[in-house]
Amino acid sequence: MSGSLIAALRMEEHAILAELRESITFRRLEELRRLLDLYADQPPVGAELDAVLAGPPAHAPRRVSTPQPVILLHGEARSVEVA
């Protein structure tokens, strides 16, 4: 193709894009795409909850926790309140 034909096609492309950007439909489409892009990277709402409720993976070793010592302040005695 000749250079002048390619230049004319590029000018036509830019003119069509300018007309599209001015249209309400195109602006709505762009806003919708921006909104969807905000949520595209996030996992579904319940994905983390499902993972927590499922428990640790079967192949993960379970750690046995040792009780931590309690530090009594100002000579306070240990007490447990039951409601």
PDB file of N, CA and C in Angstrom:
ATOM      1  N   MET A   1       0.847  -1.184   0.000  1.00  0.00           N
ATOM      2  CA  MET A   1       0.000   0.000   0.000  1.00  0.00           C
ATOM      3  C   MET A   1       0.886   1.238   0.000  1.00  0.00           C
ATOM      4  N   SER A   2       0.361   2.262  -0.563  1.00  0.00           N
ATOM      5  CA  SER A   2       1.127   3.505  -0.599  1.00  0.00           C
ATOM      6  C   SER A   2       1.036   4.208   0.748  1.00  0.00           C
ATOM      7  N   GLY A   3       2.010   5.026   1.025  1.00  0.00           N
ATOM      8  CA  GLY A   3       2.061   5.760   2.287  1.00  0.00           C
ATOM      9  C   GLY A   3       0.892   6.706   2.456  1.00  0.00           C
ATOM     10  N   SER A   4       0.433   7.293   1.366  1.00  0.00           N
ATOM     11  CA  SER A   4      -0.687   8.243   1.459  1.00  0.00           C
ATOM     12  C   SER A   4      -1.989   7.513   1.790  1.00  0.00           C
ATOM     13  N   LEU A   5      -2.166   6.308   1.272  1.00  0.00           N
ATOM     14  CA  LEU A   5      -3.367   5.530   1.583  1.00  0.00           C
ATOM     15  C   LEU A   5      -3.363   5.131   3.060  1.00  0.00           C
ATOM     16  N   ILE A   6      -2.219   4.698   3.567  1.00  0.00           N
ATOM     17  CA  ILE A   6      -2.105   4.324   4.984  1.00  0.00           C
ATOM     18  C   ILE A   6      -2.365   5.537   5.869  1.00  0.00           C
ATOM     19  N   ALA A   7      -1.839   6.692   5.505  1.00  0.00           N
ATOM     20  CA  ALA A   7      -2.066   7.917   6.277  1.00  0.00           C
ATOM     21  C   ALA A   7      -3.551   8.279   6.274  1.00  0.00           C
ATOM     22  N   ALA A   8      -4.218   8.121   5.134  1.00  0.00           N
ATOM     23  CA  ALA A   8      -5.652   8.423   5.042  1.00  0.00           C
ATOM     24  C   ALA A   8      -6.462   7.464   5.910  1.00  0.00           C
ATOM     25  N   LEU A   9      -6.084   6.201   5.892  1.00  0.00           N
ATOM     26  CA  LEU A   9      -6.772   5.224   6.743  1.00  0.00           C
ATOM     27  C   LEU A   9      -6.567   5.528   8.226  1.00  0.00           C
ATOM     28  N   ARG A  10      -5.366   5.945   8.595  1.00  0.00           N
ATOM     29  CA  ARG A  10      -5.106   6.316   9.999  1.00  0.00           C
ATOM     30  C   ARG A  10      -5.947   7.525  10.408  1.00  0.00           C
ATOM     31  N   MET A  11      -6.055   8.504   9.513  1.00  0.00           N
ATOM     32  CA  MET A  11      -6.879   9.679   9.823  1.00  0.00           C
ATOM     33  C   MET A  11      -8.343   9.283   9.986  1.00  0.00           C
ATOM     34  N   GLU A  12      -8.815   8.391   9.134  1.00  0.00           N
ATOM     35  CA  GLU A  12     -10.198   7.904   9.243  1.00  0.00           C
ATOM     36  C   GLU A  12     -10.399   7.158  10.562  1.00  0.00           C
ATOM     37  N   GLU A  13      -9.413   6.344  10.936  1.00  0.00           N
ATOM     38  CA  GLU A  13      -9.482   5.621  12.212  1.00  0.00           C
ATOM     39  C   GLU A  13      -9.588   6.593  13.380  1.00  0.00           C
ATOM     40  N   HIS A  14      -8.765   7.625  13.382  1.00  0.00           N
ATOM     41  CA  HIS A  14      -8.796   8.613  14.470  1.00  0.00           C
ATOM     42  C   HIS A  14     -10.112   9.377  14.505  1.00  0.00           C
ATOM     43  N   ALA A  15     -10.669   9.671  13.331  1.00  0.00           N
ATOM     44  CA  ALA A  15     -11.955  10.363  13.280  1.00  0.00           C
ATOM     45  C   ALA A  15     -13.073   9.491  13.849  1.00  0.00           C
ATOM     46  N   ILE A  16     -13.062   8.217  13.507  1.00  0.00           N
ATOM     47  CA  ILE A  16     -14.084   7.296  14.031  1.00  0.00           C
ATOM     48  C   ILE A  16     -13.940   7.155  15.538  1.00  0.00           C
ATOM     49  N   LEU A  17     -12.712   7.018  16.030  1.00  0.00           N
ATOM     50  CA  LEU A  17     -12.499   6.918  17.479  1.00  0.00           C
ATOM     51  C   LEU A  17     -12.963   8.181  18.199  1.00  0.00           C
ATOM     52  N   ALA A  18     -12.709   9.341  17.615  1.00  0.00           N
ATOM     53  CA  ALA A  18     -13.154  10.594  18.232  1.00  0.00           C
ATOM     54  C   ALA A  18     -14.679  10.631  18.315  1.00  0.00           C
ATOM     55  N   GLU A  19     -15.354  10.198  17.261  1.00  0.00           N
ATOM     56  CA  GLU A  19     -16.825  10.152  17.274  1.00  0.00           C
ATOM     57  C   GLU A  19     -17.327   9.172  18.332  1.00  0.00           C
ATOM     58  N   LEU A  20     -16.683   8.030  18.426  1.00  0.00           N
ATOM     59  CA  LEU A  20     -17.087   7.033  19.420  1.00  0.00           C
ATOM     60  C   LEU A  20     -16.920   7.562  20.836  1.00  0.00           C
ATOM     61  N   ARG A  21     -15.801   8.193  21.107  1.00  0.00           N
ATOM     62  CA  ARG A  21     -15.532   8.700  22.466  1.00  0.00           C
ATOM     63  C   ARG A  21     -16.547   9.754  22.883  1.00  0.00           C
ATOM     64  N   GLU A  22     -17.119  10.453  21.921  1.00  0.00           N
ATOM     65  CA  GLU A  22     -18.129  11.464  22.234  1.00  0.00           C
ATOM     66  C   GLU A  22     -19.503  10.855  22.488  1.00  0.00           C
ATOM     67  N   SER A  23     -19.709   9.632  22.069  1.00  0.00           N
ATOM     68  CA  SER A  23     -21.037   9.026  22.219  1.00  0.00           C
ATOM     69  C   SER A  23     -21.257   8.541  23.653  1.00  0.00           C
ATOM     70  N   ILE A  24     -22.494   8.618  24.096  1.00  0.00           N
ATOM     71  CA  ILE A  24     -22.875   8.166  25.436  1.00  0.00           C
ATOM     72  C   ILE A  24     -22.623   6.671  25.592  1.00  0.00           C
ATOM     73  N   THR A  25     -22.941   5.907  24.572  1.00  0.00           N
ATOM     74  CA  THR A  25     -22.782   4.456  24.647  1.00  0.00           C
ATOM     75  C   THR A  25     -21.332   4.071  24.875  1.00  0.00           C
ATOM     76  N   PHE A  26     -20.427   4.720  24.159  1.00  0.00           N
ATOM     77  CA  PHE A  26     -19.007   4.411  24.320  1.00  0.00           C
ATOM     78  C   PHE A  26     -18.532   4.802  25.713  1.00  0.00           C
ATOM     79  N   ARG A  27     -18.976   5.959  26.226  1.00  0.00           N
ATOM     80  CA  ARG A  27     -18.575   6.385  27.579  1.00  0.00           C
ATOM     81  C   ARG A  27     -19.105   5.419  28.634  1.00  0.00           C
ATOM     82  N   ARG A  28     -20.329   4.951  28.449  1.00  0.00           N
ATOM     83  CA  ARG A  28     -20.868   3.961  29.382  1.00  0.00           C
ATOM     84  C   ARG A  28     -20.051   2.682  29.357  1.00  0.00           C
ATOM     85  N   LEU A  29     -19.667   2.247  28.146  1.00  0.00           N
ATOM     86  CA  LEU A  29     -18.853   1.052  28.015  1.00  0.00           C
ATOM     87  C   LEU A  29     -17.514   1.222  28.722  1.00  0.00           C
ATOM     88  N   GLU A  30     -16.871   2.358  28.543  1.00  0.00           N
ATOM     89  CA  GLU A  30     -15.587   2.611  29.192  1.00  0.00           C
ATOM     90  C   GLU A  30     -15.720   2.631  30.718  1.00  0.00           C
ATOM     91  N   GLU A  31     -16.766   3.256  31.235  1.00  0.00           N
ATOM     92  CA  GLU A  31     -16.974   3.284  32.686  1.00  0.00           C
ATOM     93  C   GLU A  31     -17.245   1.888  33.229  1.00  0.00           C
ATOM     94  N   LEU A  32     -18.009   1.113  32.483  1.00  0.00           N
ATOM     95  CA  LEU A  32     -18.281  -0.268  32.890  1.00  0.00           C
ATOM     96  C   LEU A  32     -16.991  -1.077  32.921  1.00  0.00           C
ATOM     97  N   ARG A  33     -16.145  -0.912  31.929  1.00  0.00           N
ATOM     98  CA  ARG A  33     -14.857  -1.615  31.906  1.00  0.00           C
ATOM     99  C   ARG A  33     -13.982  -1.211  33.083  1.00  0.00           C
ATOM    100  N   ARG A  34     -13.955   0.090  33.402  1.00  0.00           N
ATOM    101  CA  ARG A  34     -13.159   0.545  34.555  1.00  0.00           C
ATOM    102  C   ARG A  34     -13.677  -0.069  35.855  1.00  0.00           C
ATOM    103  N   LEU A  35     -14.990  -0.117  35.995  1.00  0.00           N
ATOM    104  CA  LEU A  35     -15.583  -0.700  37.189  1.00  0.00           C
ATOM    105  C   LEU A  35     -15.259  -2.178  37.304  1.00  0.00           C
ATOM    106  N   LEU A  36     -15.370  -2.901  36.206  1.00  0.00           N
ATOM    107  CA  LEU A  36     -15.055  -4.332  36.225  1.00  0.00           C
ATOM    108  C   LEU A  36     -13.575  -4.575  36.501  1.00  0.00           C
ATOM    109  N   ASP A  37     -12.715  -3.695  36.013  1.00  0.00           N
ATOM    110  CA  ASP A  37     -11.281  -3.830  36.278  1.00  0.00           C
ATOM    111  C   ASP A  37     -10.967  -3.697  37.756  1.00  0.00           C
ATOM    112  N   LEU A  38     -11.761  -2.918  38.481  1.00  0.00           N
ATOM    113  CA  LEU A  38     -11.539  -2.782  39.924  1.00  0.00           C
ATOM    114  C   LEU A  38     -11.753  -4.107  40.644  1.00  0.00           C
ATOM    115  N   TYR A  39     -12.672  -4.906  40.159  1.00  0.00           N
ATOM    116  CA  TYR A  39     -13.018  -6.159  40.812  1.00  0.00           C
ATOM    117  C   TYR A  39     -12.344  -7.375  40.185  1.00  0.00           C
ATOM    118  N   ALA A  40     -11.666  -7.200  39.079  1.00  0.00           N
ATOM    119  CA  ALA A  40     -11.063  -8.330  38.376  1.00  0.00           C
ATOM    120  C   ALA A  40      -9.957  -8.993  39.186  1.00  0.00           C
ATOM    121  N   ASP A  41      -9.209  -8.204  39.955  1.00  0.00           N
ATOM    122  CA  ASP A  41      -8.070  -8.742  40.683  1.00  0.00           C
ATOM    123  C   ASP A  41      -8.449  -9.333  42.035  1.00  0.00           C
ATOM    124  N   GLN A  42      -9.629  -9.062  42.505  1.00  0.00           N
ATOM    125  CA  GLN A  42     -10.033  -9.539  43.817  1.00  0.00           C
ATOM    126  C   GLN A  42     -10.673 -10.918  43.717  1.00  0.00           C
ATOM    127  N   PRO A  43     -10.417 -11.776  44.715  1.00  0.00           N
ATOM    128  CA  PRO A  43     -11.079 -13.082  44.716  1.00  0.00           C
ATOM    129  C   PRO A  43     -12.561 -12.912  45.032  1.00  0.00           C
ATOM    130  N   PRO A  44     -13.368 -13.892  44.725  1.00  0.00           N
ATOM    131  CA  PRO A  44     -14.787 -13.811  45.073  1.00  0.00           C
ATOM    132  C   PRO A  44     -14.968 -13.592  46.568  1.00  0.00           C
ATOM    133  N   VAL A  45     -16.095 -13.007  46.933  1.00  0.00           N
ATOM    134  CA  VAL A  45     -16.346 -12.608  48.312  1.00  0.00           C
ATOM    135  C   VAL A  45     -16.181 -13.759  49.292  1.00  0.00           C
ATOM    136  N   GLY A  46     -16.705 -14.923  48.993  1.00  0.00           N
ATOM    137  CA  GLY A  46     -16.659 -16.034  49.930  1.00  0.00           C
ATOM    138  C   GLY A  46     -15.442 -16.925  49.811  1.00  0.00           C
ATOM    139  N   ALA A  47     -14.509 -16.621  48.927  1.00  0.00           N
ATOM    140  CA  ALA A  47     -13.366 -17.505  48.698  1.00  0.00           C
ATOM    141  C   ALA A  47     -12.504 -17.646  49.948  1.00  0.00           C
ATOM    142  N   GLU A  48     -12.205 -16.533  50.604  1.00  0.00           N
ATOM    143  CA  GLU A  48     -11.376 -16.602  51.805  1.00  0.00           C
ATOM    144  C   GLU A  48     -12.113 -17.309  52.931  1.00  0.00           C
ATOM    145  N   LEU A  49     -13.393 -17.047  53.067  1.00  0.00           N
ATOM    146  CA  LEU A  49     -14.176 -17.695  54.104  1.00  0.00           C
ATOM    147  C   LEU A  49     -14.229 -19.197  53.890  1.00  0.00           C
ATOM    148  N   ASP A  50     -14.432 -19.623  52.644  1.00  0.00           N
ATOM    149  CA  ASP A  50     -14.442 -21.053  52.339  1.00  0.00           C
ATOM    150  C   ASP A  50     -13.109 -21.696  52.699  1.00  0.00           C
ATOM    151  N   ALA A  51     -12.019 -21.002  52.424  1.00  0.00           N
ATOM    152  CA  ALA A  51     -10.693 -21.537  52.732  1.00  0.00           C
ATOM    153  C   ALA A  51     -10.499 -21.668  54.236  1.00  0.00           C
ATOM    154  N   VAL A  52     -10.974 -20.701  54.992  1.00  0.00           N
ATOM    155  CA  VAL A  52     -10.837 -20.753  56.451  1.00  0.00           C
ATOM    156  C   VAL A  52     -11.697 -21.864  57.034  1.00  0.00           C
ATOM    157  N   LEU A  53     -12.922 -21.978  56.551  1.00  0.00           N
ATOM    158  CA  LEU A  53     -13.830 -22.994  57.084  1.00  0.00           C
ATOM    159  C   LEU A  53     -13.385 -24.408  56.717  1.00  0.00           C
ATOM    160  N   ALA A  54     -12.666 -24.538  55.617  1.00  0.00           N
ATOM    161  CA  ALA A  54     -12.201 -25.856  55.196  1.00  0.00           C
ATOM    162  C   ALA A  54     -11.107 -26.378  56.120  1.00  0.00           C
ATOM    163  N   GLY A  55     -10.468 -25.497  56.864  1.00  0.00           N
ATOM    164  CA  GLY A  55      -9.406 -25.921  57.771  1.00  0.00           C
ATOM    165  C   GLY A  55      -8.079 -25.990  57.052  1.00  0.00           C
ATOM    166  N   PRO A  56      -7.062 -26.444  57.762  1.00  0.00           N
ATOM    167  CA  PRO A  56      -5.731 -26.519  57.145  1.00  0.00           C
ATOM    168  C   PRO A  56      -5.693 -27.621  56.089  1.00  0.00           C
ATOM    169  N   PRO A  57      -4.845 -27.473  55.101  1.00  0.00           N
ATOM    170  CA  PRO A  57      -4.726 -28.530  54.088  1.00  0.00           C
ATOM    171  C   PRO A  57      -4.308 -29.854  54.720  1.00  0.00           C
ATOM    172  N   ALA A  58      -4.716 -30.943  54.115  1.00  0.00           N
ATOM    173  CA  ALA A  58      -4.433 -32.272  54.673  1.00  0.00           C
ATOM    174  C   ALA A  58      -2.937 -32.550  54.747  1.00  0.00           C
ATOM    175  N   HIS A  59      -2.170 -32.005  53.836  1.00  0.00           N
ATOM    176  CA  HIS A  59      -0.739 -32.284  53.816  1.00  0.00           C
ATOM    177  C   HIS A  59       0.045 -31.405  54.792  1.00  0.00           C
ATOM    178  N   ALA A  60      -0.591 -30.380  55.363  1.00  0.00           N
ATOM    179  CA  ALA A  60       0.121 -29.483  56.282  1.00  0.00           C
ATOM    180  C   ALA A  60       0.228 -30.138  57.657  1.00  0.00           C
ATOM    181  N   PRO A  61       1.418 -30.164  58.233  1.00  0.00           N
ATOM    182  CA  PRO A  61       1.553 -30.738  59.574  1.00  0.00           C
ATOM    183  C   PRO A  61       0.891 -29.833  60.607  1.00  0.00           C
ATOM    184  N   ARG A  62       0.254 -30.431  61.567  1.00  0.00           N
ATOM    185  CA  ARG A  62      -0.385 -29.651  62.628  1.00  0.00           C
ATOM    186  C   ARG A  62       0.636 -29.328  63.704  1.00  0.00           C
ATOM    187  N   ARG A  63       0.648 -28.080  64.104  1.00  0.00           N
ATOM    188  CA  ARG A  63       1.560 -27.673  65.165  1.00  0.00           C
ATOM    189  C   ARG A  63       0.865 -27.841  66.510  1.00  0.00           C
ATOM    190  N   VAL A  64       1.585 -28.359  67.440  1.00  0.00           N
ATOM    191  CA  VAL A  64       1.061 -28.484  68.792  1.00  0.00           C
ATOM    192  C   VAL A  64       1.565 -27.273  69.559  1.00  0.00           C
ATOM    193  N   SER A  65       0.631 -26.468  70.028  1.00  0.00           N
ATOM    194  CA  SER A  65       1.053 -25.261  70.743  1.00  0.00           C
ATOM    195  C   SER A  65       1.245 -25.559  72.220  1.00  0.00           C
ATOM    196  N   THR A  66       2.256 -24.965  72.759  1.00  0.00           N
ATOM    197  CA  THR A  66       2.504 -25.106  74.192  1.00  0.00           C
ATOM    198  C   THR A  66       1.871 -23.922  74.887  1.00  0.00           C
ATOM    199  N   PRO A  67       1.305 -24.137  76.062  1.00  0.00           N
ATOM    200  CA  PRO A  67       0.664 -23.024  76.760  1.00  0.00           C
ATOM    201  C   PRO A  67       1.698 -21.964  77.131  1.00  0.00           C
ATOM    202  N   GLN A  68       1.323 -20.724  76.942  1.00  0.00           N
ATOM    203  CA  GLN A  68       2.195 -19.613  77.271  1.00  0.00           C
ATOM    204  C   GLN A  68       2.036 -19.274  78.753  1.00  0.00           C
ATOM    205  N   PRO A  69       3.122 -18.905  79.411  1.00  0.00           N
ATOM    206  CA  PRO A  69       3.015 -18.549  80.823  1.00  0.00           C
ATOM    207  C   PRO A  69       2.191 -17.276  80.994  1.00  0.00           C
ATOM    208  N   VAL A  70       1.505 -17.190  82.110  1.00  0.00           N
ATOM    209  CA  VAL A  70       0.692 -16.020  82.419  1.00  0.00           C
ATOM    210  C   VAL A  70       1.482 -15.141  83.376  1.00  0.00           C
ATOM    211  N   ILE A  71       1.539 -13.868  83.088  1.00  0.00           N
ATOM    212  CA  ILE A  71       2.237 -12.918  83.955  1.00  0.00           C
ATOM    213  C   ILE A  71       1.184 -12.206  84.783  1.00  0.00           C
ATOM    214  N   LEU A  72       1.256 -12.366  86.090  1.00  0.00           N
ATOM    215  CA  LEU A  72       0.307 -11.725  86.980  1.00  0.00           C
ATOM    216  C   LEU A  72       0.798 -10.322  87.298  1.00  0.00           C
ATOM    217  N   LEU A  73      -0.082  -9.344  87.176  1.00  0.00           N
ATOM    218  CA  LEU A  73       0.275  -7.958  87.448  1.00  0.00           C
ATOM    219  C   LEU A  73      -0.233  -7.538  88.811  1.00  0.00           C
ATOM    220  N   HIS A  74       0.600  -6.857  89.554  1.00  0.00           N
ATOM    221  CA  HIS A  74       0.233  -6.308  90.871  1.00  0.00           C
ATOM    222  C   HIS A  74      -0.325  -7.374  91.807  1.00  0.00           C
ATOM    223  N   GLY A  75       0.190  -8.545  91.746  1.00  0.00           N
ATOM    224  CA  GLY A  75      -0.211  -9.616  92.663  1.00  0.00           C
ATOM    225  C   GLY A  75      -1.645 -10.070  92.457  1.00  0.00           C
ATOM    226  N   GLU A  76      -2.207  -9.843  91.287  1.00  0.00           N
ATOM    227  CA  GLU A  76      -3.582 -10.266  91.044  1.00  0.00           C
ATOM    228  C   GLU A  76      -3.639 -11.780  90.936  1.00  0.00           C
ATOM    229  N   ALA A  77      -4.670 -12.334  91.476  1.00  0.00           N
ATOM    230  CA  ALA A  77      -4.855 -13.772  91.382  1.00  0.00           C
ATOM    231  C   ALA A  77      -5.597 -14.100  90.088  1.00  0.00           C
ATOM    232  N   ARG A  78      -5.345 -15.283  89.585  1.00  0.00           N
ATOM    233  CA  ARG A  78      -6.065 -15.722  88.410  1.00  0.00           C
ATOM    234  C   ARG A  78      -7.529 -15.938  88.744  1.00  0.00           C
ATOM    235  N   SER A  79      -8.374 -15.511  87.861  1.00  0.00           N
ATOM    236  CA  SER A  79      -9.797 -15.779  88.057  1.00  0.00           C
ATOM    237  C   SER A  79     -10.458 -15.922  86.705  1.00  0.00           C
ATOM    238  N   VAL A  80     -11.534 -16.657  86.721  1.00  0.00           N
ATOM    239  CA  VAL A  80     -12.281 -16.876  85.495  1.00  0.00           C
ATOM    240  C   VAL A  80     -13.707 -16.456  85.769  1.00  0.00           C
ATOM    241  N   GLU A  81     -14.224 -15.614  84.884  1.00  0.00           N
ATOM    242  CA  GLU A  81     -15.611 -15.183  85.021  1.00  0.00           C
ATOM    243  C   GLU A  81     -16.448 -15.953  84.025  1.00  0.00           C
ATOM    244  N   VAL A  82     -17.522 -16.512  84.509  1.00  0.00           N
ATOM    245  CA  VAL A  82     -18.408 -17.267  83.639  1.00  0.00           C
ATOM    246  C   VAL A  82     -19.733 -16.521  83.572  1.00  0.00           C
ATOM    247  N   ALA A  83     -20.179 -16.294  82.383  1.00  0.00           N
ATOM    248  CA  ALA A  83     -21.442 -15.551  82.224  1.00  0.00           C
ATOM    249  C   ALA A  83     -22.601 -16.504  82.166  1.00  0.00           C
TER     250      ALA A  83
END
